[in-house]
Amino acid sequence: MLAVFKTGGKQYSVKAGQVLKVEKLEGNKGDSVSFNDVLAISENTKNTIGSPLLEGAVVEAKILDQIRDKKIIVFKKRKRQNYRSTQGHRQYLTVLKIESISMGGKKSATEKKETATSDPVKKTAPKKTAAKKTAAKKTVKKKTATPKENK
């Protein structure tokens, strides 16, 4: 069975038991992760393609490690301006092992957690604020210059 799912702005084609590196996901070593954004599933000769996603399709994976990718060098230069800038960057990655690919309508653990936390919402009464009183402006007499006597 083959599945195409998306995470971290990228799409991955995976089989059960495959190990792959994806953009960093929250979780510790040994935690299980489920992906609901499944785009397509291929099973022998039967291909199922979503528009854009398949409802009820889930890809289950286990986190093997949290690592960093190799260093990427970013070099900028402007000719005849004596401007050179070098920076390095190492992307955080998560190593996953695909446990199972299912087409059934079972809900994943992440969906169950979201529905449990969103139900107990309490509405609070809006607080009454006192009406603001504007202070009366004081009028200031303008000073007029007295004409000077010429000597």
N, C-alpha and C. Protein backbone atom coordinates (compact mmCIF):
# COMPACT_ATOMS: atom_id res chain seq x y z
N MET A 1 0.85 -1.17 0.00
CA MET A 1 0.00 0.00 0.00
C MET A 1 0.89 1.24 0.00
N LEU A 2 0.54 2.21 -0.81
CA LEU A 2 1.30 3.44 -0.97
C LEU A 2 0.38 4.62 -0.67
N ALA A 3 0.92 5.63 0.02
CA ALA A 3 0.10 6.80 0.35
C ALA A 3 0.90 8.07 0.09
N VAL A 4 0.18 9.13 -0.27
CA VAL A 4 0.78 10.46 -0.44
C VAL A 4 0.10 11.37 0.58
N PHE A 5 0.93 11.96 1.48
CA PHE A 5 0.38 12.88 2.48
C PHE A 5 1.22 14.14 2.50
N LYS A 6 0.68 15.20 3.13
CA LYS A 6 1.43 16.45 3.18
C LYS A 6 1.65 16.88 4.62
N THR A 7 2.84 17.42 4.87
CA THR A 7 3.20 17.99 6.15
C THR A 7 4.36 18.95 5.94
N GLY A 8 4.36 20.04 6.68
CA GLY A 8 5.44 21.01 6.57
C GLY A 8 5.53 21.67 5.21
N GLY A 9 4.40 21.78 4.49
CA GLY A 9 4.40 22.42 3.19
C GLY A 9 4.94 21.54 2.07
N LYS A 10 5.17 20.26 2.34
CA LYS A 10 5.70 19.35 1.33
C LYS A 10 4.83 18.10 1.27
N GLN A 11 4.93 17.37 0.16
CA GLN A 11 4.19 16.14 0.00
C GLN A 11 5.16 14.97 -0.03
N TYR A 12 4.79 13.88 0.64
CA TYR A 12 5.65 12.71 0.74
C TYR A 12 4.87 11.48 0.28
N SER A 13 5.53 10.63 -0.52
CA SER A 13 4.97 9.36 -0.95
C SER A 13 5.63 8.27 -0.11
N VAL A 14 4.83 7.50 0.64
CA VAL A 14 5.39 6.55 1.60
C VAL A 14 4.72 5.19 1.51
N LYS A 15 5.44 4.17 2.02
CA LYS A 15 4.92 2.82 2.19
C LYS A 15 5.01 2.49 3.67
N ALA A 16 4.29 1.48 4.11
CA ALA A 16 4.36 1.05 5.50
C ALA A 16 5.76 0.50 5.78
N GLY A 17 6.35 0.92 6.91
CA GLY A 17 7.69 0.48 7.29
C GLY A 17 8.81 1.38 6.79
N GLN A 18 8.50 2.38 6.00
CA GLN A 18 9.50 3.28 5.44
C GLN A 18 9.96 4.29 6.50
N VAL A 19 11.25 4.68 6.43
CA VAL A 19 11.81 5.70 7.33
C VAL A 19 12.09 6.93 6.48
N LEU A 20 11.62 8.11 6.95
CA LEU A 20 11.85 9.34 6.20
C LEU A 20 12.06 10.51 7.14
N LYS A 21 12.66 11.59 6.60
CA LYS A 21 12.90 12.82 7.35
C LYS A 21 11.91 13.87 6.87
N VAL A 22 11.25 14.54 7.82
CA VAL A 22 10.30 15.60 7.49
C VAL A 22 10.66 16.84 8.30
N GLU A 23 10.02 17.97 7.98
CA GLU A 23 10.21 19.19 8.76
C GLU A 23 9.85 18.92 10.21
N LYS A 24 10.42 19.69 11.12
CA LYS A 24 10.27 19.43 12.56
C LYS A 24 8.81 19.35 12.99
N LEU A 25 8.51 18.29 13.74
CA LEU A 25 7.19 18.09 14.33
C LEU A 25 7.35 18.08 15.85
N GLU A 26 6.34 18.57 16.55
CA GLU A 26 6.38 18.55 18.01
C GLU A 26 6.22 17.12 18.50
N GLY A 27 7.04 16.73 19.46
CA GLY A 27 6.95 15.39 20.03
C GLY A 27 8.33 14.90 20.42
N ASN A 28 8.34 13.84 21.22
CA ASN A 28 9.58 13.25 21.69
C ASN A 28 9.83 11.92 21.00
N LYS A 29 11.03 11.39 21.24
CA LYS A 29 11.40 10.10 20.69
C LYS A 29 10.42 9.03 21.19
N GLY A 30 9.90 8.23 20.28
CA GLY A 30 8.98 7.16 20.66
C GLY A 30 7.51 7.54 20.58
N ASP A 31 7.18 8.82 20.44
CA ASP A 31 5.78 9.25 20.32
C ASP A 31 5.22 8.83 18.97
N SER A 32 3.90 8.66 18.92
CA SER A 32 3.26 8.34 17.65
C SER A 32 2.56 9.59 17.11
N VAL A 33 2.57 9.72 15.80
CA VAL A 33 2.00 10.87 15.11
C VAL A 33 1.08 10.34 14.02
N SER A 34 -0.05 11.03 13.81
CA SER A 34 -0.94 10.63 12.73
C SER A 34 -1.17 11.81 11.80
N PHE A 35 -1.20 11.54 10.52
CA PHE A 35 -1.39 12.56 9.49
C PHE A 35 -2.74 12.34 8.83
N ASN A 36 -3.59 13.36 8.89
CA ASN A 36 -4.92 13.28 8.29
C ASN A 36 -4.97 13.90 6.90
N ASP A 37 -3.93 14.65 6.53
CA ASP A 37 -3.90 15.31 5.22
C ASP A 37 -3.38 14.33 4.17
N VAL A 38 -4.14 13.30 3.89
CA VAL A 38 -3.76 12.28 2.92
C VAL A 38 -4.36 12.67 1.57
N LEU A 39 -3.50 12.77 0.56
CA LEU A 39 -3.92 13.20 -0.77
C LEU A 39 -4.34 12.02 -1.65
N ALA A 40 -3.63 10.89 -1.53
CA ALA A 40 -3.93 9.74 -2.39
C ALA A 40 -3.47 8.45 -1.71
N ILE A 41 -4.14 7.36 -2.05
CA ILE A 41 -3.75 6.03 -1.57
C ILE A 41 -3.83 5.08 -2.75
N SER A 42 -2.78 4.26 -2.90
CA SER A 42 -2.74 3.26 -3.96
C SER A 42 -2.62 1.88 -3.32
N GLU A 43 -3.55 1.00 -3.66
CA GLU A 43 -3.56 -0.35 -3.09
C GLU A 43 -3.66 -1.34 -4.24
N ASN A 44 -2.54 -2.02 -4.53
CA ASN A 44 -2.43 -2.94 -5.67
C ASN A 44 -2.81 -2.22 -6.96
N THR A 45 -3.98 -2.53 -7.54
CA THR A 45 -4.39 -1.87 -8.78
C THR A 45 -5.43 -0.78 -8.53
N LYS A 46 -5.89 -0.64 -7.28
CA LYS A 46 -6.92 0.34 -6.95
C LYS A 46 -6.26 1.64 -6.47
N ASN A 47 -6.52 2.72 -7.19
CA ASN A 47 -6.00 4.03 -6.82
C ASN A 47 -7.14 4.92 -6.36
N THR A 48 -6.95 5.58 -5.21
CA THR A 48 -7.95 6.50 -4.69
C THR A 48 -7.30 7.86 -4.53
N ILE A 49 -7.87 8.86 -5.20
CA ILE A 49 -7.31 10.21 -5.16
C ILE A 49 -8.35 11.14 -4.59
N GLY A 50 -7.94 11.97 -3.64
CA GLY A 50 -8.86 12.90 -3.00
C GLY A 50 -8.99 14.19 -3.78
N SER A 51 -9.99 14.97 -3.41
CA SER A 51 -10.15 16.27 -4.04
C SER A 51 -10.43 17.33 -2.99
N PRO A 52 -9.49 17.94 -2.34
CA PRO A 52 -8.05 17.68 -2.41
C PRO A 52 -7.59 16.59 -1.44
N LEU A 53 -8.38 16.27 -0.39
CA LEU A 53 -7.96 15.28 0.60
C LEU A 53 -8.92 14.11 0.64
N LEU A 54 -8.42 12.98 1.13
CA LEU A 54 -9.27 11.81 1.35
C LEU A 54 -9.81 11.86 2.77
N GLU A 55 -11.12 11.78 2.91
CA GLU A 55 -11.72 11.81 4.24
C GLU A 55 -11.60 10.43 4.88
N GLY A 56 -11.18 10.40 6.13
CA GLY A 56 -11.06 9.15 6.86
C GLY A 56 -9.74 8.44 6.67
N ALA A 57 -8.92 8.87 5.73
CA ALA A 57 -7.63 8.24 5.51
C ALA A 57 -6.62 8.78 6.51
N VAL A 58 -5.83 7.87 7.10
CA VAL A 58 -4.87 8.25 8.13
C VAL A 58 -3.56 7.53 7.89
N VAL A 59 -2.45 8.26 8.03
CA VAL A 59 -1.12 7.67 8.00
C VAL A 59 -0.55 7.77 9.41
N GLU A 60 -0.28 6.62 10.03
CA GLU A 60 0.27 6.57 11.39
C GLU A 60 1.78 6.41 11.30
N ALA A 61 2.51 7.19 12.12
CA ALA A 61 3.97 7.13 12.13
C ALA A 61 4.48 7.21 13.55
N LYS A 62 5.73 6.79 13.74
CA LYS A 62 6.38 6.84 15.05
C LYS A 62 7.63 7.69 14.92
N ILE A 63 7.86 8.58 15.91
CA ILE A 63 9.04 9.45 15.88
C ILE A 63 10.25 8.65 16.35
N LEU A 64 11.26 8.54 15.47
CA LEU A 64 12.48 7.84 15.82
C LEU A 64 13.51 8.78 16.44
N ASP A 65 13.58 10.03 15.93
CA ASP A 65 14.60 10.96 16.42
C ASP A 65 14.28 12.38 15.98
N GLN A 66 14.82 13.35 16.72
CA GLN A 66 14.77 14.77 16.36
C GLN A 66 16.21 15.17 16.03
N ILE A 67 16.47 15.55 14.78
CA ILE A 67 17.85 15.84 14.36
C ILE A 67 17.92 17.19 13.67
N ARG A 68 19.15 17.55 13.27
CA ARG A 68 19.36 18.75 12.46
C ARG A 68 20.02 18.34 11.15
N ASP A 69 19.64 19.00 10.07
CA ASP A 69 20.14 18.69 8.74
C ASP A 69 21.56 19.22 8.59
N LYS A 70 22.21 18.90 7.46
CA LYS A 70 23.55 19.42 7.22
C LYS A 70 23.49 20.93 7.01
N LYS A 71 24.61 21.60 7.22
CA LYS A 71 24.66 23.06 7.18
C LYS A 71 24.56 23.56 5.74
N ILE A 72 23.75 24.59 5.57
CA ILE A 72 23.61 25.25 4.27
C ILE A 72 24.28 26.61 4.39
N ILE A 73 25.18 26.92 3.46
CA ILE A 73 25.90 28.19 3.48
C ILE A 73 25.16 29.19 2.60
N VAL A 74 24.88 30.37 3.16
CA VAL A 74 24.23 31.45 2.43
C VAL A 74 25.28 32.54 2.25
N PHE A 75 25.68 32.83 1.00
CA PHE A 75 26.71 33.82 0.72
C PHE A 75 26.14 34.91 -0.16
N LYS A 76 26.27 36.16 0.28
CA LYS A 76 25.79 37.30 -0.50
C LYS A 76 26.98 38.19 -0.82
N LYS A 77 26.99 38.75 -2.04
CA LYS A 77 28.07 39.63 -2.44
C LYS A 77 27.55 40.66 -3.43
N ARG A 78 28.02 41.89 -3.28
CA ARG A 78 27.74 42.93 -4.26
C ARG A 78 29.08 43.37 -4.84
N LYS A 79 29.20 43.23 -6.14
CA LYS A 79 30.48 43.54 -6.76
C LYS A 79 30.79 45.03 -6.68
N ARG A 80 32.04 45.32 -6.52
CA ARG A 80 32.59 46.68 -6.45
C ARG A 80 32.01 47.50 -5.30
N GLN A 81 31.40 46.87 -4.32
CA GLN A 81 30.85 47.60 -3.18
C GLN A 81 31.53 47.20 -1.88
N ASN A 82 32.48 46.27 -1.95
CA ASN A 82 33.17 45.74 -0.77
C ASN A 82 32.15 45.19 0.24
N TYR A 83 31.13 44.48 -0.27
CA TYR A 83 30.09 43.91 0.58
C TYR A 83 30.08 42.40 0.41
N ARG A 84 30.36 41.70 1.49
CA ARG A 84 30.29 40.24 1.50
C ARG A 84 29.66 39.82 2.82
N SER A 85 28.73 38.86 2.74
CA SER A 85 28.05 38.38 3.93
C SER A 85 27.90 36.87 3.84
N THR A 86 28.32 36.17 4.88
CA THR A 86 28.21 34.72 4.91
C THR A 86 27.42 34.32 6.14
N GLN A 87 26.41 33.48 5.93
CA GLN A 87 25.62 32.95 7.03
C GLN A 87 25.44 31.46 6.83
N GLY A 88 25.23 30.75 7.94
CA GLY A 88 24.97 29.32 7.87
C GLY A 88 23.61 29.02 8.48
N HIS A 89 23.02 27.90 8.06
CA HIS A 89 21.70 27.53 8.57
C HIS A 89 21.59 26.01 8.62
N ARG A 90 21.09 25.49 9.75
CA ARG A 90 20.82 24.06 9.88
C ARG A 90 19.35 23.87 10.23
N GLN A 91 18.63 23.18 9.36
CA GLN A 91 17.19 22.98 9.54
C GLN A 91 16.93 21.85 10.54
N TYR A 92 15.92 22.03 11.39
CA TYR A 92 15.50 20.98 12.32
C TYR A 92 14.62 19.98 11.58
N LEU A 93 14.89 18.69 11.78
CA LEU A 93 14.15 17.63 11.11
C LEU A 93 13.66 16.60 12.12
N THR A 94 12.63 15.87 11.76
CA THR A 94 12.12 14.76 12.55
C THR A 94 12.21 13.50 11.71
N VAL A 95 12.80 12.44 12.27
CA VAL A 95 12.90 11.17 11.57
C VAL A 95 11.70 10.32 11.96
N LEU A 96 10.93 9.89 10.96
CA LEU A 96 9.71 9.12 11.18
C LEU A 96 9.82 7.73 10.59
N LYS A 97 9.12 6.78 11.22
CA LYS A 97 8.95 5.45 10.64
C LYS A 97 7.45 5.26 10.45
N ILE A 98 7.03 4.99 9.22
CA ILE A 98 5.61 4.82 8.91
C ILE A 98 5.15 3.47 9.46
N GLU A 99 4.18 3.52 10.38
CA GLU A 99 3.66 2.31 11.02
C GLU A 99 2.53 1.70 10.19
N SER A 100 1.54 2.51 9.81
CA SER A 100 0.41 1.96 9.07
C SER A 100 -0.25 3.03 8.21
N ILE A 101 -0.92 2.55 7.17
CA ILE A 101 -1.70 3.41 6.29
C ILE A 101 -3.10 2.82 6.27
N SER A 102 -4.09 3.62 6.66
CA SER A 102 -5.45 3.07 6.71
C SER A 102 -6.41 3.97 5.94
N MET A 103 -7.37 3.33 5.29
CA MET A 103 -8.38 4.05 4.52
C MET A 103 -9.66 4.19 5.32
N GLY A 104 -9.80 3.41 6.40
CA GLY A 104 -11.03 3.39 7.20
C GLY A 104 -11.36 4.73 7.82
N GLY A 105 -12.57 4.82 8.38
CA GLY A 105 -13.05 6.09 8.93
C GLY A 105 -12.71 6.30 10.39
N LYS A 106 -11.66 5.65 10.91
CA LYS A 106 -11.35 5.86 12.32
C LYS A 106 -10.69 7.22 12.52
N LYS A 107 -10.95 7.83 13.67
CA LYS A 107 -10.39 9.15 13.96
C LYS A 107 -9.01 8.99 14.57
N SER A 108 -8.14 9.94 14.30
CA SER A 108 -6.80 9.89 14.84
C SER A 108 -6.78 10.47 16.25
N ALA A 109 -5.68 10.26 16.95
CA ALA A 109 -5.55 10.74 18.33
C ALA A 109 -5.55 12.27 18.38
N THR A 110 -4.99 12.92 17.37
CA THR A 110 -4.94 14.39 17.40
C THR A 110 -6.33 14.98 17.26
N GLU A 111 -7.20 14.38 16.46
CA GLU A 111 -8.57 14.89 16.31
C GLU A 111 -9.35 14.72 17.60
N LYS A 112 -9.17 13.58 18.29
CA LYS A 112 -9.87 13.34 19.54
C LYS A 112 -9.47 14.37 20.59
N LYS A 113 -8.19 14.71 20.65
CA LYS A 113 -7.73 15.70 21.61
C LYS A 113 -8.33 17.06 21.32
N GLU A 114 -8.41 17.43 20.05
CA GLU A 114 -8.94 18.74 19.67
C GLU A 114 -10.42 18.86 20.04
N THR A 115 -11.19 17.82 19.79
CA THR A 115 -12.62 17.89 20.11
C THR A 115 -12.85 17.91 21.61
N ALA A 116 -12.02 17.23 22.37
CA ALA A 116 -12.18 17.20 23.82
C ALA A 116 -11.88 18.56 24.43
N THR A 117 -10.90 19.26 23.90
CA THR A 117 -10.54 20.56 24.47
C THR A 117 -11.48 21.66 24.02
N SER A 118 -12.12 21.54 22.87
CA SER A 118 -12.95 22.62 22.37
C SER A 118 -14.37 22.61 22.97
N ASP A 119 -14.85 21.49 23.52
CA ASP A 119 -16.21 21.41 24.05
C ASP A 119 -16.44 22.26 25.30
N PRO A 120 -15.63 22.16 26.36
CA PRO A 120 -15.95 22.90 27.59
C PRO A 120 -15.57 24.37 27.51
N VAL A 121 -16.34 25.14 26.76
CA VAL A 121 -16.09 26.57 26.64
C VAL A 121 -17.16 27.30 27.46
N LYS A 122 -16.72 28.12 28.40
CA LYS A 122 -17.65 28.87 29.24
C LYS A 122 -17.76 30.29 28.73
N LYS A 123 -18.99 30.79 28.71
CA LYS A 123 -19.21 32.16 28.29
C LYS A 123 -19.25 33.04 29.53
N THR A 124 -18.53 34.14 29.48
CA THR A 124 -18.51 35.06 30.61
C THR A 124 -19.28 36.31 30.23
N ALA A 125 -19.93 36.89 31.23
CA ALA A 125 -20.70 38.11 30.99
C ALA A 125 -19.74 39.26 30.74
N PRO A 126 -20.06 40.15 29.80
CA PRO A 126 -19.16 41.27 29.54
C PRO A 126 -19.13 42.20 30.74
N LYS A 127 -17.95 42.70 31.03
CA LYS A 127 -17.79 43.61 32.17
C LYS A 127 -18.36 44.97 31.82
N LYS A 128 -19.04 45.55 32.81
CA LYS A 128 -19.60 46.88 32.61
C LYS A 128 -18.56 47.91 33.00
N THR A 129 -18.37 48.87 32.13
CA THR A 129 -17.39 49.92 32.43
C THR A 129 -18.15 51.21 32.70
N ALA A 130 -17.60 52.00 33.61
CA ALA A 130 -18.24 53.27 33.95
C ALA A 130 -18.06 54.24 32.79
N ALA A 131 -19.06 55.10 32.60
CA ALA A 131 -18.99 56.07 31.52
C ALA A 131 -17.88 57.07 31.84
N LYS A 132 -17.11 57.40 30.84
CA LYS A 132 -16.01 58.33 31.05
C LYS A 132 -16.53 59.75 31.11
N LYS A 133 -16.03 60.49 32.07
CA LYS A 133 -16.42 61.89 32.21
C LYS A 133 -15.32 62.74 31.59
N THR A 134 -15.73 63.66 30.75
CA THR A 134 -14.74 64.53 30.14
C THR A 134 -14.61 65.79 30.99
N ALA A 135 -13.37 66.16 31.25
CA ALA A 135 -13.12 67.34 32.08
C ALA A 135 -13.39 68.59 31.25
N ALA A 136 -13.96 69.60 31.90
CA ALA A 136 -14.25 70.86 31.21
C ALA A 136 -12.93 71.57 30.94
N LYS A 137 -12.79 72.08 29.73
CA LYS A 137 -11.55 72.75 29.37
C LYS A 137 -11.54 74.16 29.95
N LYS A 138 -10.39 74.51 30.49
CA LYS A 138 -10.23 75.85 31.04
C LYS A 138 -9.80 76.79 29.92
N THR A 139 -10.40 77.96 29.90
CA THR A 139 -10.01 78.93 28.88
C THR A 139 -8.88 79.78 29.44
N VAL A 140 -7.88 79.96 28.63
CA VAL A 140 -6.72 80.74 29.05
C VAL A 140 -6.74 82.05 28.27
N LYS A 141 -6.57 83.16 29.00
CA LYS A 141 -6.54 84.46 28.35
C LYS A 141 -5.23 84.62 27.61
N LYS A 142 -5.33 85.12 26.39
CA LYS A 142 -4.13 85.33 25.60
C LYS A 142 -3.43 86.59 26.07
N LYS A 143 -2.11 86.49 26.13
CA LYS A 143 -1.32 87.65 26.52
C LYS A 143 -1.08 88.48 25.26
N THR A 144 -1.31 89.74 25.40
CA THR A 144 -1.07 90.62 24.26
C THR A 144 0.19 91.42 24.53
N ALA A 145 0.95 91.58 23.50
CA ALA A 145 2.21 92.33 23.66
C ALA A 145 1.90 93.82 23.74
N THR A 146 2.55 94.50 24.66
CA THR A 146 2.37 95.95 24.78
C THR A 146 3.33 96.63 23.84
N PRO A 147 2.88 97.64 23.14
CA PRO A 147 3.80 98.32 22.20
C PRO A 147 4.91 99.03 22.97
N LYS A 148 6.11 98.88 22.45
CA LYS A 148 7.26 99.53 23.08
C LYS A 148 7.36 100.97 22.59
N GLU A 149 7.81 101.79 23.50
CA GLU A 149 7.99 103.20 23.14
C GLU A 149 9.33 103.39 22.47
N ASN A 150 9.33 104.15 21.40
CA ASN A 150 10.58 104.43 20.70
C ASN A 150 11.35 105.53 21.43
N LYS A 151 12.60 105.41 21.60
CA LYS A 151 13.41 106.41 22.27
C LYS A 151 14.11 107.28 21.30
